[in-house]
Amino acid sequence: MIFKAIGKMIGDTVLYPVEQPFPKTPKDYGIGYRDVKFPTKDGVTLSGWLLNEHAEKTVIMTHFGYRANRFGYQTKYQPRLTKPYKKEVEFVLVAKRLIDAGYAVLMYDLRNHGLSGKSKLGVGTGGYDERFDVLAAVGFVGSNKSTAGKPIGLVSYCMGLNATFYAFSEDDEVFTNNNVQALVGMQPLGNGDFLKAYGIKGAIYRHADAHYKRHTGIPLDYPITPAVEKVTVPTLLCQGQKDPWTNLDFIKEVYHRLPMEKEMYFMEEPTHRFDGYNWFNDHPEKMLGWFEKHLR
């Protein structure tokens, strides 16, 4: 019984993300924006910010999911399971790099996060159900008056990158029809590898997996790599070389499966996974160079 109880508690950490507040908006960074809402195919209303919307190219940013929102991640809301991180993750700083380079940016909250609506399941699925959010964001930018018809790039983080891969597998025509031309992906990670990195195994892992599957219909180790093969745009894959949470063999397999033009970028300095989420704040060159090359 004790293993089952612990497994349930661990399973809940990936099922039910804690909602973080918004300490700042783009206005606090001197960036013009407007609030936007758009629906997903399965009936969830997503909430976001559209920044610098009249630029000639647009980048859609998809945050990393669990306990984050479009603003980012605040240190005081860290869960006990994870290794503490000492800096705020502020995605608007990445958006500012893009805006300064001449892009419009859509930042939005995944379902069950931030100000976006709740799904029928009401739980995180490691990117699987969140695939509908990515498709909705692409469709919104592709049909919105100020951004329609213009080139689109994607910056997707962790679970948000998983969701992007699943979205290509779900309906790659949405990306083609809306002029998506490039993807920059940061540190994909499956729920199973995340828990195993913390030493969760054996009976406890099996109970966590069973609890998760009862709520989502899929296992913790639901495969991502088959979806990777459906990506239809050039992809820059980024990963912290010393990230303690990941499985580098999995990252190499993701890279191997990418079918289009691709580049693997290993960041050697970061020692915490969240350093990767902040990386483009101070090191935007790879991201900007990829979009400069591929968004036409």
Protein backbone atom coordinates (compact mmCIF):
# COMPACT_ATOMS: atom_id res chain seq x y z
CA MET A 1 0.00 0.00 0.00
CA ILE A 2 2.82 2.41 0.78
CA PHE A 3 4.31 2.00 -2.71
CA LYS A 4 0.91 2.65 -4.25
CA ALA A 5 0.44 5.82 -2.17
CA ILE A 6 3.89 7.11 -3.08
CA GLY A 7 3.28 6.26 -6.74
CA LYS A 8 0.02 8.20 -6.68
CA MET A 9 1.74 11.23 -5.13
CA ILE A 10 4.49 11.15 -7.76
CA GLY A 11 2.00 10.65 -10.57
CA ASP A 12 0.09 13.69 -9.36
CA THR A 13 3.18 15.87 -9.73
CA VAL A 14 3.00 15.47 -13.52
CA LEU A 15 -0.79 15.36 -13.75
CA TYR A 16 -1.69 18.51 -11.84
CA PRO A 17 0.58 21.50 -12.48
CA VAL A 18 0.49 24.26 -9.88
CA GLU A 19 -0.83 27.49 -11.39
CA GLN A 20 1.67 30.32 -11.24
CA PRO A 21 0.59 33.96 -11.22
CA PHE A 22 1.80 36.59 -13.69
CA PRO A 23 4.26 38.95 -11.98
CA LYS A 24 4.80 40.95 -15.18
CA THR A 25 3.39 41.56 -18.64
CA PRO A 26 5.27 42.62 -21.78
CA LYS A 27 4.44 46.23 -20.85
CA ASP A 28 6.87 45.91 -17.93
CA TYR A 29 9.61 45.22 -20.50
CA GLY A 30 8.61 48.15 -22.70
CA ILE A 31 7.00 45.92 -25.34
CA GLY A 32 3.70 46.66 -27.05
CA TYR A 33 1.20 43.80 -27.13
CA ARG A 34 -2.43 42.85 -27.02
CA ASP A 35 -4.26 40.07 -25.20
CA VAL A 36 -5.64 37.37 -27.48
CA LYS A 37 -7.79 34.26 -27.10
CA PHE A 38 -8.35 31.41 -29.54
CA PRO A 39 -10.05 27.99 -29.41
CA THR A 40 -8.58 24.54 -29.88
CA LYS A 41 -10.12 21.81 -31.99
CA ASP A 42 -11.24 19.97 -28.83
CA GLY A 43 -12.92 22.98 -27.25
CA VAL A 44 -10.34 24.59 -24.93
CA THR A 45 -9.94 28.38 -25.03
CA LEU A 46 -6.29 29.42 -24.95
CA SER A 47 -5.07 32.79 -23.72
CA GLY A 48 -1.99 34.63 -24.96
CA TRP A 49 -0.11 37.80 -25.82
CA LEU A 50 0.57 38.94 -29.38
CA LEU A 51 3.64 41.17 -29.39
CA ASN A 52 4.84 43.51 -32.15
CA GLU A 53 2.13 42.01 -34.33
CA HIS A 54 2.68 44.03 -37.51
CA ALA A 55 6.17 42.66 -38.14
CA GLU A 56 6.78 40.76 -41.38
CA LYS A 57 7.49 37.39 -39.70
CA THR A 58 6.04 35.75 -36.59
CA VAL A 59 7.48 33.35 -34.02
CA ILE A 60 5.18 31.25 -31.83
CA MET A 61 6.60 30.42 -28.41
CA THR A 62 5.32 27.33 -26.59
CA HIS A 63 6.42 27.15 -22.96
CA PHE A 64 7.65 24.06 -21.13
CA GLY A 65 4.45 23.12 -19.38
CA TYR A 66 4.47 21.87 -15.83
CA ARG A 67 4.34 24.81 -13.43
CA ALA A 68 5.18 27.37 -16.10
CA ASN A 69 3.09 29.82 -18.06
CA ARG A 70 3.79 32.22 -20.91
CA PHE A 71 5.64 34.55 -18.51
CA GLY A 72 7.90 31.73 -17.39
CA TYR A 73 8.65 30.21 -14.02
CA GLN A 74 9.12 31.77 -10.60
CA THR A 75 11.53 30.25 -8.10
CA LYS A 76 9.18 30.52 -5.12
CA TYR A 77 6.72 28.09 -6.72
CA GLN A 78 9.17 25.24 -7.21
CA PRO A 79 7.91 21.74 -6.34
CA ARG A 80 9.77 19.64 -3.80
CA LEU A 81 10.60 16.92 -6.30
CA THR A 82 12.87 19.04 -8.47
CA LYS A 83 16.34 20.43 -7.83
CA PRO A 84 15.91 24.11 -6.79
CA TYR A 85 16.67 26.74 -9.42
CA LYS A 86 17.92 30.13 -8.29
CA LYS A 87 16.84 32.32 -11.21
CA GLU A 88 13.49 33.30 -12.67
CA VAL A 89 12.72 31.97 -16.14
CA GLU A 90 11.41 34.96 -18.11
CA PHE A 91 10.30 34.07 -21.62
CA VAL A 92 9.52 37.70 -22.43
CA LEU A 93 13.28 38.28 -22.47
CA VAL A 94 13.52 35.73 -25.29
CA ALA A 95 10.59 37.40 -27.02
CA LYS A 96 12.39 40.74 -26.77
CA ARG A 97 15.40 39.27 -28.56
CA LEU A 98 13.10 38.18 -31.36
CA ILE A 99 11.28 41.52 -31.50
CA ASP A 100 14.56 43.42 -31.63
CA ALA A 101 15.45 41.23 -34.63
CA GLY A 102 12.22 42.20 -36.39
CA TYR A 103 9.74 39.46 -35.48
CA ALA A 104 6.23 39.43 -34.10
CA VAL A 105 5.78 36.93 -31.26
CA LEU A 106 2.81 34.95 -30.01
CA MET A 107 3.19 33.77 -26.42
CA TYR A 108 0.37 31.66 -25.01
CA ASP A 109 -0.52 29.40 -22.10
CA LEU A 110 -0.95 25.69 -22.69
CA ARG A 111 -4.22 24.16 -21.52
CA ASN A 112 -4.51 23.78 -17.74
CA HIS A 113 -1.83 26.46 -17.34
CA GLY A 114 -1.90 30.20 -16.75
CA LEU A 115 -5.03 31.90 -17.99
CA SER A 116 -5.94 29.28 -20.57
CA GLY A 117 -8.95 27.04 -20.09
CA LYS A 118 -9.12 23.61 -18.57
CA SER A 119 -9.35 20.52 -20.72
CA LYS A 120 -11.93 17.81 -20.11
CA LEU A 121 -9.20 15.70 -18.55
CA GLY A 122 -7.96 18.64 -16.51
CA VAL A 123 -4.46 17.17 -16.34
CA GLY A 124 -1.12 17.46 -18.13
CA THR A 125 -0.37 14.74 -20.69
CA GLY A 126 3.30 15.37 -21.45
CA GLY A 127 2.46 17.11 -24.71
CA TYR A 128 0.04 14.56 -26.15
CA ASP A 129 -3.28 16.40 -25.67
CA GLU A 130 -1.37 19.67 -25.76
CA ARG A 131 -0.74 18.99 -29.46
CA PHE A 132 -4.12 20.59 -30.09
CA ASP A 133 -2.84 23.80 -28.46
CA VAL A 134 0.09 24.03 -30.87
CA LEU A 135 -2.21 23.45 -33.84
CA ALA A 136 -4.57 26.15 -32.55
CA ALA A 137 -1.73 28.64 -32.09
CA VAL A 138 -0.50 28.04 -35.64
CA GLY A 139 -4.02 28.38 -36.98
CA PHE A 140 -4.56 31.60 -35.05
CA VAL A 141 -1.40 33.25 -36.38
CA GLY A 142 -2.15 32.00 -39.87
CA SER A 143 -5.62 33.55 -39.90
CA ASN A 144 -5.16 36.65 -37.73
CA LYS A 145 -5.43 39.82 -39.84
CA SER A 146 -2.04 41.28 -38.91
CA THR A 147 -0.06 38.02 -39.26
CA ALA A 148 -1.91 35.97 -41.92
CA GLY A 149 0.18 34.78 -44.84
CA LYS A 150 3.48 35.78 -43.28
CA PRO A 151 6.28 33.29 -42.48
CA ILE A 152 6.02 31.54 -39.11
CA GLY A 153 8.76 30.09 -36.92
CA LEU A 154 8.31 27.99 -33.79
CA VAL A 155 10.24 28.10 -30.51
CA SER A 156 9.12 25.17 -28.36
CA TYR A 157 10.40 24.16 -24.94
CA CYS A 158 10.42 20.70 -23.30
CA MET A 159 6.80 19.50 -22.99
CA GLY A 160 5.91 22.25 -25.44
CA LEU A 161 8.34 20.67 -27.90
CA ASN A 162 6.79 17.25 -27.30
CA ALA A 163 3.42 18.86 -28.07
CA THR A 164 4.86 20.35 -31.25
CA PHE A 165 6.11 16.96 -32.41
CA TYR A 166 2.73 15.36 -31.66
CA ALA A 167 1.03 18.23 -33.51
CA PHE A 168 3.02 17.51 -36.68
CA SER A 169 1.96 13.88 -36.37
CA GLU A 170 -1.66 14.87 -35.81
CA ASP A 171 -1.99 17.22 -38.80
CA ASP A 172 1.10 18.34 -40.68
CA GLU A 173 -1.03 20.21 -43.22
CA VAL A 174 -1.83 22.87 -40.61
CA PHE A 175 1.85 23.79 -40.59
CA THR A 176 2.20 23.73 -44.36
CA ASN A 177 -1.02 25.66 -45.03
CA ASN A 178 -0.11 28.39 -42.54
CA ASN A 179 3.44 28.95 -43.82
CA VAL A 180 5.39 27.49 -40.89
CA GLN A 181 8.99 27.36 -42.11
CA ALA A 182 11.29 26.50 -39.18
CA LEU A 183 11.42 25.06 -35.66
CA VAL A 184 13.80 25.75 -32.78
CA GLY A 185 13.30 23.06 -30.14
CA MET A 186 14.70 23.15 -26.62
CA GLN A 187 15.22 19.98 -24.56
CA PRO A 188 12.35 17.56 -25.23
CA LEU A 189 11.69 15.24 -22.30
CA GLY A 190 9.27 12.39 -21.63
CA ASN A 191 7.55 11.99 -18.27
CA GLY A 192 9.13 8.59 -17.77
CA ASP A 193 12.69 9.83 -18.28
CA PHE A 194 12.00 12.78 -15.97
CA LEU A 195 10.93 10.50 -13.10
CA LYS A 196 13.68 7.96 -13.74
CA ALA A 197 16.26 10.75 -13.54
CA TYR A 198 15.18 11.20 -9.92
CA GLY A 199 15.72 7.53 -9.16
CA ILE A 200 12.05 6.58 -9.23
CA LYS A 201 11.88 2.96 -10.35
CA GLY A 202 10.54 -0.47 -9.53
CA ALA A 203 7.18 -0.78 -7.80
CA ILE A 204 6.87 2.95 -7.13
CA TYR A 205 7.37 3.76 -10.81
CA ARG A 206 4.86 1.10 -11.84
CA HIS A 207 2.23 2.55 -9.49
CA ALA A 208 2.96 6.09 -10.70
CA ASP A 209 2.62 4.87 -14.28
CA ALA A 210 -0.67 3.11 -13.55
CA HIS A 211 -2.05 6.20 -11.78
CA TYR A 212 -1.00 8.44 -14.67
CA LYS A 213 -2.50 6.09 -17.26
CA ARG A 214 -5.83 5.94 -15.42
CA HIS A 215 -6.12 9.72 -15.76
CA THR A 216 -4.72 10.22 -19.27
CA GLY A 217 -5.19 6.96 -21.15
CA ILE A 218 -1.48 6.85 -22.03
CA PRO A 219 1.60 5.61 -20.11
CA LEU A 220 4.37 7.81 -18.74
CA ASP A 221 6.64 6.45 -21.48
CA TYR A 222 4.25 7.18 -24.33
CA PRO A 223 6.59 7.37 -27.35
CA ILE A 224 7.59 10.70 -28.90
CA THR A 225 10.03 9.58 -31.57
CA PRO A 226 7.44 8.28 -34.10
CA ALA A 227 5.89 11.75 -34.09
CA VAL A 228 9.33 13.33 -34.64
CA GLU A 229 9.46 11.63 -38.03
CA LYS A 230 6.44 13.70 -39.16
CA VAL A 231 8.13 17.09 -38.74
CA THR A 232 8.06 18.96 -42.05
CA VAL A 233 10.34 21.95 -41.38
CA PRO A 234 14.07 22.50 -40.73
CA THR A 235 14.75 21.98 -37.03
CA LEU A 236 17.41 23.25 -34.64
CA LEU A 237 17.44 20.88 -31.64
CA CYS A 238 19.02 22.29 -28.47
CA GLN A 239 20.06 20.41 -25.33
CA GLY A 240 22.12 21.13 -22.23
CA GLN A 241 25.06 18.71 -22.29
CA LYS A 242 25.04 18.44 -18.46
CA ASP A 243 21.28 18.49 -17.96
CA PRO A 244 20.75 16.12 -14.99
CA TRP A 245 17.13 15.31 -15.87
CA THR A 246 17.45 14.04 -19.39
CA ASN A 247 18.46 10.90 -21.24
CA LEU A 248 21.01 11.94 -23.84
CA ASP A 249 20.46 8.74 -25.80
CA PHE A 250 16.84 9.82 -26.20
CA ILE A 251 17.95 13.26 -27.43
CA LYS A 252 20.27 11.67 -29.98
CA GLU A 253 17.43 9.41 -31.13
CA VAL A 254 15.12 12.42 -31.56
CA TYR A 255 17.78 14.13 -33.65
CA HIS A 256 18.33 10.99 -35.71
CA ARG A 257 14.59 10.72 -36.44
CA LEU A 258 14.17 14.31 -37.64
CA PRO A 259 13.58 13.99 -41.39
CA MET A 260 14.26 17.51 -42.61
CA GLU A 261 17.33 19.77 -42.54
CA LYS A 262 18.53 19.78 -38.95
CA GLU A 263 21.24 20.85 -36.56
CA MET A 264 22.10 19.60 -33.07
CA TYR A 265 23.23 22.28 -30.63
CA PHE A 266 24.65 21.04 -27.34
CA MET A 267 24.99 23.77 -24.72
CA GLU A 268 27.99 22.78 -22.63
CA GLU A 269 27.77 25.35 -19.84
CA PRO A 270 24.35 24.73 -18.21
CA THR A 271 24.32 22.43 -15.18
CA HIS A 272 20.60 22.84 -14.37
CA ARG A 273 17.90 21.98 -16.89
CA PHE A 274 16.31 25.39 -16.44
CA ASP A 275 19.52 27.06 -17.62
CA GLY A 276 18.44 25.86 -21.05
CA TYR A 277 15.10 27.62 -20.71
CA ASN A 278 16.95 30.88 -20.06
CA TRP A 279 19.65 30.25 -22.66
CA PHE A 280 18.29 32.38 -25.49
CA ASN A 281 17.99 35.37 -23.15
CA ASP A 282 21.75 35.85 -23.22
CA HIS A 283 22.71 33.60 -26.15
CA PRO A 284 20.16 34.22 -28.92
CA GLU A 285 22.57 33.80 -31.82
CA LYS A 286 21.71 30.20 -32.77
CA MET A 287 17.98 30.84 -32.59
CA LEU A 288 18.14 34.07 -34.56
CA GLY A 289 20.50 32.57 -37.11
CA TRP A 290 18.20 29.61 -37.71
CA PHE A 291 15.21 31.87 -38.35
CA GLU A 292 17.24 34.26 -40.47
CA LYS A 293 18.25 31.33 -42.65
CA HIS A 294 14.87 29.62 -42.98
CA LEU A 295 12.07 32.20 -42.66
CA ARG A 296 11.58 33.73 -46.10
